[in-house]
Amino acid sequence: MRFLGIETTCDETAAAVVALRPEGGGEILSNEVFSQIAEHQAYGGVVPEIAARAHIEVLDRLIVRALEDAKLELADLDGIAAAAGPGLIGGVIIGLTTGKALALAARKPFVAVNHLEAHALTARLAGGLDFPYLLLLVSGGHTQLVAVRGVGDYLRLGATVDDAVGEAFDKVAKMLGLPYPGGPQVEREALKGDPTRFDFPRPMLGRPKPDFSFSGLKTAVRLEAEKIAPLNPAAVADLCASFQAAVVDTLVDRLRAGIRVFGERVGPCQAMVVAGGVAANSAIRRALMRFCGESGLRLIVPPVALCTDNGAMIAWAGIERLRLGLSDDMTFAARPRWPLDSDAETLHHGKA
């Protein structure tokens, strides 16, 4: 089974071809990603209209290149998958419409993929990971703890009540005068700083419900920065290091609560998966490896290239769904919001 995956939910345009291996895992035959960082850098964040135009300009070429790299024609595919949400609606419509058109033209099954489900299933691409497992999804738009019980079967255990963790990284970077994208810049500065200089709060520390909050931490950084302004390079590095240390401590504490709730609602937790762009942060990776080692948990963190948005994860989610006989027709609509579990909107304040 060979699938084309299309991803256009935010500021990366991506197309990839993934094949199902006989033993059950996947093989990435091609994985083309066009980053729009240069287009958005002057604005300090993603501009939806600019993102949509950029997707239109490059998507067709990326698809052609992905097929060429995989040494396949459109007719050789067994299905086409496109991210149908959640995300910036203009971009989502472009990728979804393109996927539908290709599926119609080639008379292939079409799968509309939930971008969050694609992140949730990416760790299974390498093979050897069975359900259920605990997912920590950390990105610019999402911070969730999810029990992954099967394809299409998700139980959200906790989520952010305000900012996502990646959003907090980006906003801290902006207030400290660091260039976009902010997350990697904060991590880079933190390597040079003293994580103990500023005693920032650890939001929700010790609470039994595994929810997250980063708005107060972000405000604490701003107040401290204003107090010691004008900022010199050493102060910026120390603020970044102290902020990142607070984020790491918070994630580990909330994960500890999530494992306990997972045990109560699903059963003993044997494996944890970390996914999303923030999973590329090396300090967070090291802390989670240490925590899981001490807790006897198996930790699976996809390669950095599969943590950020990409087409391979969309193609793999399409394979996972079509194997179960799940496909979609041409009436499937783009969704700017699309929680993994049906109760998420009411249980978690409508936050993704």
Protein backbone atom coordinates (compact mmCIF):
# COMPACT_ATOMS: atom_id res chain seq x y z
CA MET A 1 0.00 0.00 0.00
CA ARG A 2 1.47 3.34 -1.10
CA PHE A 3 -0.05 6.68 -0.11
CA LEU A 4 0.49 10.30 -1.05
CA GLY A 5 0.09 12.68 1.91
CA ILE A 6 -0.56 16.44 1.63
CA GLU A 7 -0.10 18.88 4.54
CA THR A 8 -1.05 22.60 4.38
CA THR A 9 -2.56 23.40 7.79
CA CYS A 10 -0.19 26.21 8.78
CA ASP A 11 3.13 27.57 7.45
CA GLU A 12 4.68 24.45 5.97
CA THR A 13 3.66 23.08 2.59
CA ALA A 14 4.43 19.37 2.42
CA ALA A 15 3.91 16.31 0.23
CA ALA A 16 5.23 12.80 0.84
CA VAL A 17 4.83 9.21 -0.28
CA VAL A 18 4.81 6.43 2.32
CA ALA A 19 4.59 2.68 1.71
CA LEU A 20 3.28 0.04 4.11
CA ARG A 21 5.93 -2.59 4.81
CA PRO A 22 4.92 -6.29 4.99
CA GLU A 23 5.80 -6.45 8.70
CA GLY A 24 3.43 -3.58 9.46
CA GLY A 25 5.55 -0.43 9.73
CA GLY A 26 5.97 2.23 7.10
CA GLU A 27 8.72 3.28 4.70
CA ILE A 28 9.08 6.92 3.69
CA LEU A 29 9.72 6.93 -0.06
CA SER A 30 9.80 10.74 -0.29
CA ASN A 31 9.17 13.66 2.04
CA GLU A 32 9.14 17.16 0.55
CA VAL A 33 8.65 20.17 2.85
CA PHE A 34 8.66 23.86 1.93
CA SER A 35 9.01 26.15 4.96
CA GLN A 36 7.46 29.62 4.80
CA ILE A 37 9.69 31.15 7.50
CA ALA A 38 11.10 33.78 5.11
CA GLU A 39 7.59 34.87 4.08
CA HIS A 40 6.43 35.46 7.66
CA GLN A 41 9.65 36.64 9.35
CA ALA A 42 9.01 40.34 8.83
CA TYR A 43 5.67 40.05 10.65
CA GLY A 44 6.93 38.06 13.65
CA GLY A 45 4.34 35.33 13.14
CA VAL A 46 2.22 33.48 10.61
CA VAL A 47 -0.03 35.65 8.42
CA PRO A 48 -2.89 33.39 7.22
CA GLU A 49 -3.37 35.11 3.84
CA ILE A 50 0.35 34.93 3.02
CA ALA A 51 0.45 31.28 4.11
CA ALA A 52 -2.47 30.39 1.83
CA ARG A 53 -0.88 32.09 -1.20
CA ALA A 54 2.43 30.33 -0.55
CA HIS A 55 0.66 26.94 -0.44
CA ILE A 56 -0.94 27.66 -3.83
CA GLU A 57 2.39 28.64 -5.38
CA VAL A 58 4.40 25.56 -4.36
CA LEU A 59 2.04 22.65 -3.64
CA ASP A 60 1.75 21.28 -7.20
CA ARG A 61 5.54 21.30 -7.64
CA LEU A 62 6.08 19.57 -4.29
CA ILE A 63 3.63 16.80 -5.21
CA VAL A 64 5.38 16.24 -8.53
CA ARG A 65 8.75 16.13 -6.77
CA ALA A 66 7.46 13.73 -4.10
CA LEU A 67 6.21 11.32 -6.78
CA GLU A 68 9.46 11.60 -8.74
CA ASP A 69 11.57 10.95 -5.62
CA ALA A 70 9.43 7.88 -4.86
CA LYS A 71 9.80 6.76 -8.52
CA LEU A 72 6.03 6.46 -8.83
CA GLU A 73 3.25 7.76 -11.04
CA LEU A 74 -0.09 8.92 -9.68
CA ALA A 75 -1.63 5.71 -11.02
CA ASP A 76 0.76 3.62 -8.90
CA LEU A 77 -0.66 4.95 -5.63
CA ASP A 78 -3.18 3.07 -3.52
CA GLY A 79 -4.66 6.18 -1.97
CA ILE A 80 -4.33 9.91 -1.35
CA ALA A 81 -4.58 11.62 2.02
CA ALA A 82 -4.81 15.32 2.83
CA ALA A 83 -4.95 17.17 6.13
CA ALA A 84 -8.51 18.48 6.51
CA GLY A 85 -7.91 20.36 9.77
CA PRO A 86 -7.49 21.69 12.33
CA GLY A 87 -5.55 24.68 11.07
CA LEU A 88 -5.69 27.95 9.16
CA ILE A 89 -8.78 27.48 7.04
CA GLY A 90 -7.38 28.98 3.83
CA GLY A 91 -4.42 26.64 3.79
CA VAL A 92 -6.49 23.63 4.81
CA ILE A 93 -8.90 24.22 1.90
CA ILE A 94 -6.00 24.33 -0.59
CA GLY A 95 -4.49 21.01 0.48
CA LEU A 96 -7.86 19.30 0.90
CA THR A 97 -9.14 20.42 -2.50
CA THR A 98 -5.90 19.36 -4.19
CA GLY A 99 -6.06 15.92 -2.57
CA LYS A 100 -9.67 15.44 -3.64
CA ALA A 101 -8.90 16.48 -7.22
CA LEU A 102 -5.99 14.05 -7.49
CA ALA A 103 -8.05 11.22 -6.00
CA LEU A 104 -10.88 11.89 -8.47
CA ALA A 105 -8.52 12.12 -11.44
CA ALA A 106 -6.66 8.92 -10.51
CA ARG A 107 -9.78 7.12 -9.22
CA LYS A 108 -8.07 6.36 -5.92
CA PRO A 109 -9.47 6.19 -2.37
CA PHE A 110 -9.35 9.53 -0.55
CA VAL A 111 -8.76 9.98 3.20
CA ALA A 112 -9.34 13.30 4.99
CA VAL A 113 -6.86 13.29 7.87
CA ASN A 114 -7.10 15.02 11.22
CA HIS A 115 -3.73 16.77 11.59
CA LEU A 116 -3.69 15.88 15.31
CA GLU A 117 -4.36 12.21 14.56
CA ALA A 118 -1.43 12.27 12.14
CA HIS A 119 0.83 13.45 14.98
CA ALA A 120 -0.68 10.82 17.28
CA LEU A 121 0.07 7.96 14.87
CA THR A 122 3.48 9.07 13.56
CA ALA A 123 5.37 7.00 16.17
CA ARG A 124 3.79 3.83 14.71
CA LEU A 125 5.37 4.54 11.31
CA ALA A 126 8.63 2.95 12.46
CA GLY A 127 6.68 -0.15 13.59
CA GLY A 128 6.70 -2.01 16.88
CA LEU A 129 4.33 0.25 18.83
CA ASP A 130 1.00 -1.22 19.87
CA PHE A 131 -2.07 0.47 21.34
CA PRO A 132 -2.75 1.89 23.87
CA TYR A 133 -0.14 4.54 24.63
CA LEU A 134 0.03 8.03 26.10
CA LEU A 135 0.60 10.94 23.72
CA LEU A 136 2.09 14.27 24.78
CA LEU A 137 1.32 16.62 21.89
CA VAL A 138 3.29 19.87 22.13
CA SER A 139 3.28 22.39 19.29
CA GLY A 140 2.66 26.02 18.46
CA GLY A 141 -1.10 25.52 18.50
CA HIS A 142 -1.67 22.48 20.71
CA THR A 143 -0.71 21.17 24.12
CA GLN A 144 -2.53 17.95 25.06
CA LEU A 145 -2.18 14.68 26.90
CA VAL A 146 -4.12 12.02 25.01
CA ALA A 147 -4.71 8.32 25.56
CA VAL A 148 -4.34 6.74 22.11
CA ARG A 149 -6.46 3.58 22.30
CA GLY A 150 -6.63 2.88 18.57
CA VAL A 151 -7.04 4.53 15.17
CA GLY A 152 -9.90 6.97 15.62
CA ASP A 153 -10.16 6.14 19.33
CA TYR A 154 -8.75 8.93 21.51
CA LEU A 155 -9.36 10.09 25.04
CA ARG A 156 -8.10 13.55 25.92
CA LEU A 157 -6.83 13.51 29.49
CA GLY A 158 -5.58 17.08 29.73
CA ALA A 159 -5.05 20.21 27.65
CA THR A 160 -3.97 23.80 27.95
CA VAL A 161 -6.50 26.21 29.40
CA ASP A 162 -4.84 29.18 27.67
CA ASP A 163 -1.65 29.32 25.56
CA ALA A 164 -0.09 26.32 23.90
CA VAL A 165 3.51 25.70 24.92
CA GLY A 166 4.88 26.53 21.46
CA GLU A 167 2.85 29.73 21.45
CA ALA A 168 4.44 30.67 24.80
CA PHE A 169 7.93 30.08 23.36
CA ASP A 170 7.13 32.28 20.36
CA LYS A 171 5.64 35.10 22.46
CA VAL A 172 8.57 35.09 24.90
CA ALA A 173 10.96 35.29 21.94
CA LYS A 174 9.05 38.23 20.50
CA MET A 175 9.03 40.20 23.77
CA LEU A 176 12.79 39.64 24.11
CA GLY A 177 13.46 40.88 20.59
CA LEU A 178 14.43 37.48 19.15
CA PRO A 179 13.63 36.72 15.48
CA TYR A 180 10.85 34.46 14.21
CA PRO A 181 10.40 31.51 14.62
CA GLY A 182 10.84 32.04 18.31
CA GLY A 183 11.03 28.52 19.74
CA PRO A 184 14.43 27.55 18.28
CA GLN A 185 15.78 31.02 19.14
CA VAL A 186 14.78 30.69 22.82
CA GLU A 187 16.38 27.23 22.94
CA ARG A 188 19.59 28.60 21.39
CA GLU A 189 19.77 31.50 23.87
CA ALA A 190 18.98 29.19 26.79
CA LEU A 191 22.14 27.22 26.11
CA LYS A 192 24.15 30.33 27.02
CA GLY A 193 22.09 31.35 30.05
CA ASP A 194 21.69 30.63 33.77
CA PRO A 195 18.40 28.71 34.37
CA THR A 196 18.47 29.59 38.09
CA ARG A 197 18.74 33.38 37.81
CA PHE A 198 14.98 33.97 37.63
CA ASP A 199 12.51 32.01 39.73
CA PHE A 200 9.57 31.72 37.35
CA PRO A 201 6.33 29.95 38.32
CA ARG A 202 5.56 26.33 37.41
CA PRO A 203 1.85 26.63 36.45
CA MET A 204 -0.57 23.98 37.80
CA LEU A 205 2.25 22.22 39.66
CA GLY A 206 0.91 19.29 41.70
CA ARG A 207 -2.70 19.53 40.51
CA PRO A 208 -4.39 16.14 40.05
CA LYS A 209 -6.03 17.01 36.71
CA PRO A 210 -3.36 16.93 33.96
CA ASP A 211 -4.18 20.29 32.37
CA PHE A 212 -1.63 22.94 31.37
CA SER A 213 -1.35 26.72 31.61
CA PHE A 214 1.40 28.90 30.15
CA SER A 215 -0.11 32.39 30.06
CA GLY A 216 0.99 33.27 33.61
CA LEU A 217 4.52 32.03 32.97
CA LYS A 218 4.72 34.16 29.85
CA THR A 219 3.52 37.20 31.84
CA ALA A 220 6.11 36.53 34.54
CA VAL A 221 8.86 36.65 31.91
CA ARG A 222 7.53 39.95 30.57
CA LEU A 223 7.38 41.55 34.04
CA GLU A 224 10.93 40.45 34.86
CA ALA A 225 12.19 41.71 31.50
CA GLU A 226 10.56 45.09 32.08
CA LYS A 227 12.07 45.27 35.56
CA ILE A 228 15.67 44.86 34.32
CA ALA A 229 15.33 46.75 31.02
CA PRO A 230 17.26 47.62 28.93
CA LEU A 231 18.19 44.01 28.31
CA ASN A 232 21.76 43.03 27.55
CA PRO A 233 22.63 39.72 25.81
CA ALA A 234 23.41 37.98 29.13
CA ALA A 235 20.01 38.96 30.55
CA VAL A 236 18.20 37.67 27.44
CA ALA A 237 20.06 34.36 27.70
CA ASP A 238 19.24 34.04 31.43
CA LEU A 239 15.56 34.87 30.84
CA CYS A 240 15.38 32.22 28.09
CA ALA A 241 17.15 29.61 30.22
CA SER A 242 14.94 30.28 33.25
CA PHE A 243 11.77 30.25 31.13
CA GLN A 244 12.75 26.99 29.41
CA ALA A 245 13.58 25.37 32.78
CA ALA A 246 10.10 26.32 34.05
CA VAL A 247 8.50 24.82 30.92
CA VAL A 248 10.46 21.58 31.34
CA ASP A 249 9.50 21.24 35.02
CA THR A 250 5.87 21.95 34.19
CA LEU A 251 5.71 19.38 31.38
CA VAL A 252 7.26 16.67 33.57
CA ASP A 253 4.86 17.41 36.44
CA ARG A 254 1.80 17.43 34.16
CA LEU A 255 3.00 14.22 32.55
CA ARG A 256 3.24 12.59 35.96
CA ALA A 257 -0.42 13.53 36.57
CA GLY A 258 -1.35 12.29 33.09
CA ILE A 259 0.19 8.88 33.68
CA ARG A 260 -1.81 8.50 36.87
CA VAL A 261 -5.09 9.44 35.10
CA PHE A 262 -4.18 7.15 32.18
CA GLY A 263 -3.84 4.29 34.67
CA GLU A 264 -7.25 5.06 36.17
CA ARG A 265 -9.13 5.42 32.88
CA VAL A 266 -7.30 3.14 30.45
CA GLY A 267 -4.92 0.84 32.32
CA PRO A 268 -1.21 0.68 33.11
CA CYS A 269 0.83 3.00 30.91
CA GLN A 270 3.65 1.15 29.16
CA ALA A 271 4.70 3.66 26.49
CA MET A 272 4.66 7.39 25.92
CA VAL A 273 4.93 9.24 22.62
CA VAL A 274 5.96 12.88 22.28
CA ALA A 275 4.95 14.64 19.07
CA GLY A 276 4.64 18.14 17.66
CA GLY A 277 7.15 20.85 16.82
CA VAL A 278 8.14 21.54 20.44
CA ALA A 279 9.24 17.89 20.71
CA ALA A 280 12.29 19.00 18.70
CA ASN A 281 13.51 21.00 21.74
CA SER A 282 16.57 19.13 23.06
CA ALA A 283 16.13 20.21 26.71
CA ILE A 284 12.57 18.88 26.73
CA ARG A 285 13.69 15.65 25.06
CA ARG A 286 16.43 15.09 27.65
CA ALA A 287 14.08 15.76 30.57
CA LEU A 288 11.43 13.38 29.24
CA MET A 289 14.02 10.68 28.57
CA ARG A 290 15.25 11.00 32.14
CA PHE A 291 11.71 10.96 33.56
CA CYS A 292 10.61 7.95 31.50
CA GLY A 293 13.80 6.08 32.40
CA GLU A 294 13.14 6.63 36.10
CA SER A 295 9.46 5.67 35.67
CA GLY A 296 10.10 2.50 33.66
CA LEU A 297 8.24 3.88 30.65
CA ARG A 298 9.15 3.32 27.05
CA LEU A 299 9.61 6.73 25.39
CA ILE A 300 9.15 7.18 21.64
CA VAL A 301 10.11 10.53 20.11
CA PRO A 302 9.94 10.70 16.30
CA PRO A 303 12.95 12.13 14.43
CA VAL A 304 13.00 15.94 14.41
CA ALA A 305 11.89 16.02 10.75
CA LEU A 306 8.71 14.13 11.71
CA CYS A 307 7.97 16.27 14.80
CA THR A 308 7.27 19.39 12.76
CA ASP A 309 4.48 19.39 10.16
CA ASN A 310 5.18 17.08 7.22
CA GLY A 311 3.43 15.06 4.55
CA ALA A 312 4.75 11.68 5.70
CA MET A 313 2.63 11.76 8.85
CA ILE A 314 -0.47 12.55 6.75
CA ALA A 315 0.28 9.71 4.34
CA TRP A 316 0.82 7.29 7.23
CA ALA A 317 -2.46 8.31 8.89
CA GLY A 318 -4.15 7.68 5.54
CA ILE A 319 -2.66 4.18 5.43
CA GLU A 320 -3.71 3.47 9.02
CA ARG A 321 -7.28 4.52 8.30
CA LEU A 322 -7.65 2.81 4.91
CA ARG A 323 -6.36 -0.47 6.39
CA LEU A 324 -9.46 -0.38 8.59
CA GLY A 325 -11.71 0.39 5.64
CA LEU A 326 -12.04 4.09 6.53
CA SER A 327 -12.12 6.53 3.62
CA ASP A 328 -13.96 9.75 2.78
CA ASP A 329 -15.98 11.14 -0.10
CA MET A 330 -15.62 14.43 -1.94
CA THR A 331 -18.09 16.25 0.33
CA PHE A 332 -15.75 16.22 3.33
CA ALA A 333 -15.40 19.86 4.47
CA ALA A 334 -12.31 21.64 5.77
CA ARG A 335 -12.34 22.11 9.55
CA PRO A 336 -10.54 24.97 11.30
CA ARG A 337 -11.25 23.16 14.60
CA TRP A 338 -11.27 19.38 14.88
CA PRO A 339 -10.70 17.87 18.33
CA LEU A 340 -9.52 14.28 18.48
CA ASP A 341 -12.22 13.22 20.93
CA SER A 342 -15.86 14.26 20.73
CA ASP A 343 -16.06 15.49 24.34
CA ALA A 344 -12.98 17.70 24.12
CA GLU A 345 -14.79 20.98 23.41
CA THR A 346 -16.95 20.87 26.50
CA LEU A 347 -14.48 19.18 28.83
CA HIS A 348 -11.50 21.40 28.10
CA HIS A 349 -12.85 24.92 27.55
CA GLY A 350 -12.78 24.60 23.78
CA LYS A 351 -8.99 24.73 23.76
CA ALA A 352 -7.05 22.55 21.34
